[in-house]
PDB file of N, CA and C in Angstrom:
ATOM      1  N   MET A   1       5.274-105.195 -30.572  1.00  0.00           N
ATOM      2  CA  MET A   1       4.415-104.308 -29.505  1.00  0.00           C
ATOM      3  C   MET A   1       4.699-104.763 -28.157  1.00  0.00           C
ATOM      4  N   ILE A   2       4.711-105.957 -27.867  1.00  0.00           N
ATOM      5  CA  ILE A   2       4.907-106.330 -26.777  1.00  0.00           C
ATOM      6  C   ILE A   2       6.119-106.105 -26.043  1.00  0.00           C
ATOM      7  N   ASP A   3       7.190-106.423 -26.934  1.00  0.00           N
ATOM      8  CA  ASP A   3       8.484-106.399 -26.711  1.00  0.00           C
ATOM      9  C   ASP A   3       8.855-104.834 -26.362  1.00  0.00           C
ATOM     10  N   GLU A   4       8.322-103.962 -26.932  1.00  0.00           N
ATOM     11  CA  GLU A   4       8.249-102.641 -26.933  1.00  0.00           C
ATOM     12  C   GLU A   4       7.915-102.056 -25.293  1.00  0.00           C
ATOM     13  N   ASN A   5       6.643-102.590 -25.298  1.00  0.00           N
ATOM     14  CA  ASN A   5       5.944-102.419 -23.815  1.00  0.00           C
ATOM     15  C   ASN A   5       7.113-102.928 -22.753  1.00  0.00           C
ATOM     16  N   PHE A   6       7.509-104.144 -22.871  1.00  0.00           N
ATOM     17  CA  PHE A   6       8.372-104.875 -22.074  1.00  0.00           C
ATOM     18  C   PHE A   6       9.659-103.888 -21.783  1.00  0.00           C
ATOM     19  N   ALA A   7      10.189-103.188 -22.892  1.00  0.00           N
ATOM     20  CA  ALA A   7      11.423-102.434 -22.539  1.00  0.00           C
ATOM     21  C   ALA A   7      10.906-101.311 -21.904  1.00  0.00           C
ATOM     22  N   LEU A   8       9.697-100.709 -22.426  1.00  0.00           N
ATOM     23  CA  LEU A   8       9.371 -99.485 -21.759  1.00  0.00           C
ATOM     24  C   LEU A   8       9.096 -99.559 -20.311  1.00  0.00           C
ATOM     25  N   MET A   9       8.616-100.619 -19.587  1.00  0.00           N
ATOM     26  CA  MET A   9       8.164-101.177 -18.440  1.00  0.00           C
ATOM     27  C   MET A   9       9.524-101.251 -17.648  1.00  0.00           C
ATOM     28  N   ARG A  10      10.673-101.772 -18.248  1.00  0.00           N
ATOM     29  CA  ARG A  10      11.871-101.921 -17.805  1.00  0.00           C
ATOM     30  C   ARG A  10      12.305-100.685 -17.382  1.00  0.00           C
ATOM     31  N   SER A  11      12.363 -99.724 -18.440  1.00  0.00           N
ATOM     32  CA  SER A  11      13.046 -98.793 -18.169  1.00  0.00           C
ATOM     33  C   SER A  11      12.390 -97.528 -17.147  1.00  0.00           C
ATOM     34  N   HIS A  12      11.076 -97.705 -16.885  1.00  0.00           N
ATOM     35  CA  HIS A  12      10.512 -96.933 -16.002  1.00  0.00           C
ATOM     36  C   HIS A  12      10.866 -97.588 -14.707  1.00  0.00           C
ATOM     37  N   ARG A  13      10.694 -98.742 -14.684  1.00  0.00           N
ATOM     38  CA  ARG A  13      10.837 -99.393 -13.437  1.00  0.00           C
ATOM     39  C   ARG A  13      12.285 -98.891 -12.959  1.00  0.00           C
ATOM     40  N   ASN A  14      13.316 -99.189 -13.896  1.00  0.00           N
ATOM     41  CA  ASN A  14      14.848 -98.627 -13.438  1.00  0.00           C
ATOM     42  C   ASN A  14      14.777 -97.239 -13.051  1.00  0.00           C
ATOM     43  N   ASN A  15      13.889 -96.337 -13.726  1.00  0.00           N
ATOM     44  CA  ASN A  15      13.983 -94.899 -13.271  1.00  0.00           C
ATOM     45  C   ASN A  15      13.339 -94.529 -11.786  1.00  0.00           C
ATOM     46  N   ILE A  16      12.261 -95.713 -11.531  1.00  0.00           N
ATOM     47  CA  ILE A  16      11.709 -95.376 -10.425  1.00  0.00           C
ATOM     48  C   ILE A  16      12.567 -96.005  -8.874  1.00  0.00           C
ATOM     49  N   ASP A  17      13.337 -97.109  -9.521  1.00  0.00           N
ATOM     50  CA  ASP A  17      14.541 -97.512  -8.543  1.00  0.00           C
ATOM     51  C   ASP A  17      15.355 -96.479  -8.214  1.00  0.00           C
ATOM     52  N   ARG A  18      15.867 -95.881  -9.376  1.00  0.00           N
ATOM     53  CA  ARG A  18      16.842 -94.882  -9.107  1.00  0.00           C
ATOM     54  C   ARG A  18      16.447 -93.600  -8.504  1.00  0.00           C
ATOM     55  N   TYR A  19      15.365 -93.219  -8.709  1.00  0.00           N
ATOM     56  CA  TYR A  19      14.584 -92.254  -7.807  1.00  0.00           C
ATOM     57  C   TYR A  19      14.339 -92.428  -6.505  1.00  0.00           C
ATOM     58  N   HIS A  20      14.006 -93.596  -6.091  1.00  0.00           N
ATOM     59  CA  HIS A  20      13.871 -94.211  -4.725  1.00  0.00           C
ATOM     60  C   HIS A  20      15.353 -94.045  -3.701  1.00  0.00           C
ATOM     61  N   LYS A  21      16.509 -94.306  -4.813  1.00  0.00           N
ATOM     62  CA  LYS A  21      17.661 -94.295  -4.079  1.00  0.00           C
ATOM     63  C   LYS A  21      18.192 -92.927  -3.880  1.00  0.00           C
ATOM     64  N   LEU A  22      17.761 -92.226  -4.944  1.00  0.00           N
ATOM     65  CA  LEU A  22      18.341 -90.641  -4.654  1.00  0.00           C
ATOM     66  C   LEU A  22      17.443 -90.247  -3.413  1.00  0.00           C
ATOM     67  N   LEU A  23      15.907 -90.421  -3.159  1.00  0.00           N
ATOM     68  CA  LEU A  23      15.559 -90.062  -2.229  1.00  0.00           C
ATOM     69  C   LEU A  23      16.034 -90.344  -0.753  1.00  0.00           C
ATOM     70  N   LYS A  24      16.989 -91.376  -0.597  1.00  0.00           N
ATOM     71  CA  LYS A  24      17.500 -91.865   0.561  1.00  0.00           C
ATOM     72  C   LYS A  24      18.694 -91.028   0.875  1.00  0.00           C
ATOM     73  N   THR A  25      19.097 -90.120  -0.098  1.00  0.00           N
ATOM     74  CA  THR A  25      20.380 -89.453   0.107  1.00  0.00           C
ATOM     75  C   THR A  25      20.005 -87.897   0.446  1.00  0.00           C
ATOM     76  N   SER A  26      20.832 -87.119   0.932  1.00  0.00           N
ATOM     77  CA  SER A  26      20.974 -85.639   1.503  1.00  0.00           C
ATOM     78  C   SER A  26      20.515 -85.178   0.017  1.00  0.00           C
ATOM     79  N   LEU A  27      19.325 -84.229   0.227  1.00  0.00           N
ATOM     80  CA  LEU A  27      18.652 -83.458  -0.925  1.00  0.00           C
ATOM     81  C   LEU A  27      18.132 -82.017  -0.217  1.00  0.00           C
ATOM     82  N   SER A  28      18.364 -81.251  -1.130  1.00  0.00           N
ATOM     83  CA  SER A  28      17.714 -79.963  -0.554  1.00  0.00           C
ATOM     84  C   SER A  28      16.189 -80.038  -0.724  1.00  0.00           C
ATOM     85  N   ASP A  29      15.359 -79.089  -0.265  1.00  0.00           N
ATOM     86  CA  ASP A  29      13.836 -79.379  -0.284  1.00  0.00           C
ATOM     87  C   ASP A  29      13.549 -79.192  -1.763  1.00  0.00           C
ATOM     88  N   LEU A  30      14.098 -78.326  -2.515  1.00  0.00           N
ATOM     89  CA  LEU A  30      13.850 -78.275  -3.891  1.00  0.00           C
ATOM     90  C   LEU A  30      14.056 -79.567  -4.628  1.00  0.00           C
ATOM     91  N   GLU A  31      15.293 -80.149  -4.523  1.00  0.00           N
ATOM     92  CA  GLU A  31      15.551 -81.083  -5.116  1.00  0.00           C
ATOM     93  C   GLU A  31      14.805 -82.379  -4.802  1.00  0.00           C
ATOM     94  N   ARG A  32      14.278 -82.651  -3.514  1.00  0.00           N
ATOM     95  CA  ARG A  32      13.535 -83.632  -2.968  1.00  0.00           C
ATOM     96  C   ARG A  32      12.122 -83.457  -3.789  1.00  0.00           C
ATOM     97  N   GLN A  33      11.676 -82.178  -3.875  1.00  0.00           N
ATOM     98  CA  GLN A  33      10.152 -82.076  -4.552  1.00  0.00           C
ATOM     99  C   GLN A  33      10.341 -82.246  -5.846  1.00  0.00           C
ATOM    100  N   PHE A  34      11.545 -82.050  -6.639  1.00  0.00           N
ATOM    101  CA  PHE A  34      11.771 -82.425  -8.119  1.00  0.00           C
ATOM    102  C   PHE A  34      11.725 -84.062  -8.337  1.00  0.00           C
ATOM    103  N   ILE A  35      12.681 -84.741  -7.519  1.00  0.00           N
ATOM    104  CA  ILE A  35      12.545 -86.042  -7.482  1.00  0.00           C
ATOM    105  C   ILE A  35      11.116 -86.735  -7.235  1.00  0.00           C
ATOM    106  N   GLU A  36      10.525 -86.128  -5.938  1.00  0.00           N
ATOM    107  CA  GLU A  36       9.046 -86.769  -5.955  1.00  0.00           C
ATOM    108  C   GLU A  36       8.222 -86.682  -7.182  1.00  0.00           C
ATOM    109  N   ARG A  37       8.374 -85.525  -7.821  1.00  0.00           N
ATOM    110  CA  ARG A  37       7.552 -85.340  -8.824  1.00  0.00           C
ATOM    111  C   ARG A  37       7.797 -86.262 -10.017  1.00  0.00           C
ATOM    112  N   ARG A  38       9.079 -86.333 -10.074  1.00  0.00           N
ATOM    113  CA  ARG A  38       9.404 -87.223 -11.249  1.00  0.00           C
ATOM    114  C   ARG A  38       9.039 -88.678 -10.884  1.00  0.00           C
ATOM    115  N   LEU A  39       9.413 -89.019  -9.699  1.00  0.00           N
ATOM    116  CA  LEU A  39       8.909 -90.445  -9.217  1.00  0.00           C
ATOM    117  C   LEU A  39       7.374 -90.774  -9.572  1.00  0.00           C
ATOM    118  N   ALA A  40       6.492 -89.613  -9.136  1.00  0.00           N
ATOM    119  CA  ALA A  40       5.155 -89.911  -9.606  1.00  0.00           C
ATOM    120  C   ALA A  40       4.801 -90.087 -11.136  1.00  0.00           C
ATOM    121  N   GLU A  41       5.545 -89.318 -11.861  1.00  0.00           N
ATOM    122  CA  GLU A  41       5.415 -89.291 -13.359  1.00  0.00           C
ATOM    123  C   GLU A  41       5.773 -90.616 -13.508  1.00  0.00           C
ATOM    124  N   GLU A  42       6.897 -91.077 -13.362  1.00  0.00           N
ATOM    125  CA  GLU A  42       7.313 -92.366 -13.760  1.00  0.00           C
ATOM    126  C   GLU A  42       6.251 -93.621 -13.409  1.00  0.00           C
ATOM    127  N   GLN A  43       5.786 -93.518 -12.158  1.00  0.00           N
ATOM    128  CA  GLN A  43       5.018 -94.606 -11.634  1.00  0.00           C
ATOM    129  C   GLN A  43       3.621 -94.503 -12.195  1.00  0.00           C
ATOM    130  N   SER A  44       3.273 -93.522 -12.737  1.00  0.00           N
ATOM    131  CA  SER A  44       1.995 -93.083 -13.574  1.00  0.00           C
ATOM    132  C   SER A  44       2.108 -93.565 -15.174  1.00  0.00           C
ATOM    133  N   LYS A  45       3.358 -93.471 -15.537  1.00  0.00           N
ATOM    134  CA  LYS A  45       3.670 -93.842 -16.880  1.00  0.00           C
ATOM    135  C   LYS A  45       3.490 -95.366 -16.681  1.00  0.00           C
ATOM    136  N   LEU A  46       4.362 -96.078 -15.663  1.00  0.00           N
ATOM    137  CA  LEU A  46       4.440 -97.337 -15.986  1.00  0.00           C
ATOM    138  C   LEU A  46       2.982 -98.067 -15.763  1.00  0.00           C
ATOM    139  N   GLU A  47       2.162 -97.543 -14.730  1.00  0.00           N
ATOM    140  CA  GLU A  47       0.998 -98.115 -14.360  1.00  0.00           C
ATOM    141  C   GLU A  47       0.098 -98.029 -16.011  1.00  0.00           C
ATOM    142  N   ALA A  48       0.195 -96.969 -16.686  1.00  0.00           N
ATOM    143  CA  ALA A  48      -0.341 -96.795 -17.814  1.00  0.00           C
ATOM    144  C   ALA A  48      -0.022 -97.954 -19.012  1.00  0.00           C
ATOM    145  N   ILE A  49       1.421 -98.040 -18.969  1.00  0.00           N
ATOM    146  CA  ILE A  49       1.808 -99.192 -19.910  1.00  0.00           C
ATOM    147  C   ILE A  49       1.289-100.570 -19.244  1.00  0.00           C
ATOM    148  N   VAL A  50       1.478-100.928 -18.133  1.00  0.00           N
ATOM    149  CA  VAL A  50       1.056-102.090 -17.651  1.00  0.00           C
ATOM    150  C   VAL A  50      -0.402-102.358 -17.967  1.00  0.00           C
ATOM    151  N   ALA A  51      -1.364-101.372 -17.698  1.00  0.00           N
ATOM    152  CA  ALA A  51      -2.841-101.511 -18.077  1.00  0.00           C
ATOM    153  C   ALA A  51      -3.073-101.728 -19.391  1.00  0.00           C
ATOM    154  N   SER A  52      -2.297-101.089 -20.300  1.00  0.00           N
ATOM    155  CA  SER A  52      -2.571-101.356 -21.932  1.00  0.00           C
ATOM    156  C   SER A  52      -1.831-102.683 -22.465  1.00  0.00           C
ATOM    157  N   THR A  53      -0.880-102.964 -21.632  1.00  0.00           N
ATOM    158  CA  THR A  53      -0.134-104.119 -22.108  1.00  0.00           C
ATOM    159  C   THR A  53      -0.957-105.495 -21.581  1.00  0.00           C
ATOM    160  N   PHE A  54      -1.504-105.194 -20.317  1.00  0.00           N
ATOM    161  CA  PHE A  54      -2.381-106.578 -19.594  1.00  0.00           C
ATOM    162  C   PHE A  54      -3.766-105.941 -19.220  1.00  0.00           C
ATOM    163  N   PRO A  55      -4.539-105.688 -20.249  1.00  0.00           N
ATOM    164  CA  PRO A  55      -5.831-105.269 -20.178  1.00  0.00           C
ATOM    165  C   PRO A  55      -6.780-106.154 -19.527  1.00  0.00           C
ATOM    166  N   LEU A  56      -6.628-107.539 -19.200  1.00  0.00           N
ATOM    167  CA  LEU A  56      -7.435-108.312 -18.628  1.00  0.00           C
ATOM    168  C   LEU A  56      -7.487-107.967 -16.988  1.00  0.00           C
ATOM    169  N   THR A  57      -8.770-108.172 -16.451  1.00  0.00           N
ATOM    170  CA  THR A  57      -8.961-108.340 -14.830  1.00  0.00           C
ATOM    171  C   THR A  57      -9.746-109.446 -14.679  1.00  0.00           C
ATOM    172  N   PHE A  58      -9.575-109.777 -13.584  1.00  0.00           N
ATOM    173  CA  PHE A  58     -10.246-110.927 -12.988  1.00  0.00           C
ATOM    174  C   PHE A  58     -10.943-110.490 -11.771  1.00  0.00           C
ATOM    175  N   LYS A  59     -12.152-110.919 -11.527  1.00  0.00           N
ATOM    176  CA  LYS A  59     -12.944-110.331 -10.592  1.00  0.00           C
ATOM    177  C   LYS A  59     -13.219-111.719  -9.600  1.00  0.00           C
ATOM    178  N   LEU A  60     -12.459-111.679  -8.216  1.00  0.00           N
ATOM    179  CA  LEU A  60     -12.286-112.625  -7.465  1.00  0.00           C
ATOM    180  C   LEU A  60     -13.780-112.786  -6.488  1.00  0.00           C
ATOM    181  N   PRO A  61     -14.170-113.802  -6.192  1.00  0.00           N
ATOM    182  CA  PRO A  61     -15.392-113.873  -5.567  1.00  0.00           C
ATOM    183  C   PRO A  61     -15.012-113.566  -4.263  1.00  0.00           C
ATOM    184  N   THR A  62     -16.327-113.162  -3.214  1.00  0.00           N
ATOM    185  CA  THR A  62     -15.777-112.749  -1.838  1.00  0.00           C
ATOM    186  C   THR A  62     -15.564-113.797  -1.185  1.00  0.00           C
ATOM    187  N   SER A  63     -16.309-115.158  -1.377  1.00  0.00           N
ATOM    188  CA  SER A  63     -15.988-116.298  -0.767  1.00  0.00           C
ATOM    189  C   SER A  63     -15.481-117.388  -1.561  1.00  0.00           C
ATOM    190  N   PRO A  64     -14.969-118.480  -1.455  1.00  0.00           N
ATOM    191  CA  PRO A  64     -14.874-119.343  -2.304  1.00  0.00           C
ATOM    192  C   PRO A  64     -15.917-120.427  -2.189  1.00  0.00           C
ATOM    193  N   TRP A  65     -16.772-120.118  -1.180  1.00  0.00           N
ATOM    194  CA  TRP A  65     -18.177-121.052  -1.408  1.00  0.00           C
ATOM    195  C   TRP A  65     -19.221-120.174  -1.956  1.00  0.00           C
ATOM    196  N   SER A  66     -18.770-119.128  -2.304  1.00  0.00           N
ATOM    197  CA  SER A  66     -19.980-118.403  -2.991  1.00  0.00           C
ATOM    198  C   SER A  66     -20.185-118.576  -4.384  1.00  0.00           C
ATOM    199  N   ALA A  67     -21.424-119.068  -4.850  1.00  0.00           N
ATOM    200  CA  ALA A  67     -21.536-119.655  -6.265  1.00  0.00           C
ATOM    201  C   ALA A  67     -22.762-118.942  -6.567  1.00  0.00           C
ATOM    202  N   PRO A  68     -22.874-118.801  -7.951  1.00  0.00           N
ATOM    203  CA  PRO A  68     -24.346-118.421  -8.449  1.00  0.00           C
ATOM    204  C   PRO A  68     -25.198-119.136  -8.269  1.00  0.00           C
ATOM    205  N   ALA A  69     -26.430-118.963  -7.802  1.00  0.00           N
ATOM    206  CA  ALA A  69     -27.693-119.894  -7.589  1.00  0.00           C
ATOM    207  C   ALA A  69     -27.850-120.593  -8.949  1.00  0.00           C
ATOM    208  N   SER A  70     -28.239-121.747  -8.861  1.00  0.00           N
ATOM    209  CA  SER A  70     -28.682-122.529 -10.125  1.00  0.00           C
ATOM    210  C   SER A  70     -30.097-122.572 -10.149  1.00  0.00           C
ATOM    211  N   ALA A  71     -30.584-122.406 -11.286  1.00  0.00           N
ATOM    212  CA  ALA A  71     -32.284-122.612 -11.559  1.00  0.00           C
ATOM    213  C   ALA A  71     -32.462-124.001 -11.564  1.00  0.00           C
ATOM    214  N   GLY A  72     -33.305-124.515 -10.669  1.00  0.00           N
ATOM    215  CA  GLY A  72     -33.821-125.817 -10.931  1.00  0.00           C
ATOM    216  C   GLY A  72     -33.760-126.368  -9.569  1.00  0.00           C
TER     217      GLY A  72
END
């Protein structure tokens, strides 16, 4: 499952890179809109796969010196 997700992430990342390169070229307004829409879709799919593959999140303290108060 993890290997499949890594392959999907790589595929979406490659598509995102390709769309970014295309946006640097001369495009009609319609072509640009299409590429921008596809880019947003690919980014959304990539974010979903990353979130499902790496579901852990870590909450960082606001300050390295802030620690929970100890009782006693």
